[in-house]
Amino acid sequence: MRFQDIQKMAKDMGIYTYRMKKTDIIQAIQREEKNIECFGTKRVDICQEEACSWRSDCLTLNRK
């Protein structure tokens, strides 16, 4: 998902995103949705959340 789309999603949820990194914004969205704030963490090694909206971005981020 593009950064601008993530920012818009967050702003629509009432999350202030000024000067936030992509990882922090996604974790704030996860927190707001009452989900585990796992994006960009080591949890990806054991992640079973196949339906997660952020899964492909998270896997790509953690391969680097």
Protein backbone atom coordinates (compact mmCIF):
# COMPACT_ATOMS: atom_id res chain seq x y z
CA MET A 1 0.00 0.00 0.00
CA ARG A 2 1.27 3.47 -0.83
CA PHE A 3 2.39 5.77 1.98
CA GLN A 4 -0.22 8.38 1.06
CA ASP A 5 -2.98 5.75 1.26
CA ILE A 6 -1.77 4.68 4.70
CA GLN A 7 -1.69 8.29 5.87
CA LYS A 8 -5.23 8.86 4.63
CA MET A 9 -6.46 5.70 6.33
CA ALA A 10 -4.88 6.84 9.59
CA LYS A 11 -6.26 10.37 9.33
CA ASP A 12 -9.73 8.96 8.65
CA MET A 13 -9.36 7.09 11.96
CA GLY A 14 -8.35 10.28 13.77
CA ILE A 15 -4.64 9.43 14.00
CA TYR A 16 -2.27 12.39 13.76
CA THR A 17 0.51 11.29 11.38
CA TYR A 18 2.76 14.36 11.14
CA ARG A 19 6.43 13.26 11.00
CA MET A 20 5.54 9.61 11.61
CA LYS A 21 7.29 6.80 9.76
CA LYS A 22 5.30 4.23 7.81
CA THR A 23 5.93 1.57 10.45
CA ASP A 24 4.69 3.83 13.25
CA ILE A 25 1.56 4.81 11.33
CA ILE A 26 0.67 1.20 10.59
CA GLN A 27 1.23 0.23 14.23
CA ALA A 28 -1.02 3.14 15.30
CA ILE A 29 -3.71 1.86 12.91
CA GLN A 30 -3.32 -1.65 14.33
CA ARG A 31 -3.64 -0.23 17.87
CA GLU A 32 -6.76 1.75 16.90
CA GLU A 33 -8.28 -1.41 15.38
CA LYS A 34 -7.51 -3.31 18.63
CA ASN A 35 -5.11 -5.63 16.82
CA ILE A 36 -1.60 -6.68 17.81
CA GLU A 37 0.87 -3.88 17.01
CA CYS A 38 3.20 -6.23 15.19
CA PHE A 39 4.03 -4.55 11.87
CA GLY A 40 7.78 -4.49 11.31
CA THR A 41 8.59 -6.56 14.38
CA LYS A 42 10.25 -9.97 14.80
CA ARG A 43 6.77 -11.50 15.16
CA VAL A 44 6.83 -11.91 11.37
CA ASP A 45 8.93 -15.06 11.89
CA ILE A 46 5.94 -16.79 13.52
CA CYS A 47 3.07 -14.84 11.96
CA GLN A 48 0.00 -16.86 11.06
CA GLU A 49 -2.21 -13.86 10.17
CA GLU A 50 -2.87 -14.71 6.53
CA ALA A 51 -5.71 -12.16 6.23
CA CYS A 52 -3.69 -9.24 7.61
CA SER A 53 -3.90 -6.09 5.49
CA TRP A 54 -0.21 -5.39 6.08
CA ARG A 55 1.20 -8.89 5.61
CA SER A 56 2.93 -8.43 2.25
CA ASP A 57 4.48 -5.09 3.29
CA CYS A 58 5.60 -6.58 6.60
CA LEU A 59 7.19 -9.62 5.00
CA THR A 60 9.00 -7.42 2.48
CA LEU A 61 10.20 -5.05 5.19
CA ASN A 62 11.55 -7.86 7.33
CA ARG A 63 13.42 -9.54 4.44
CA LYS A 64 15.69 -6.50 4.11
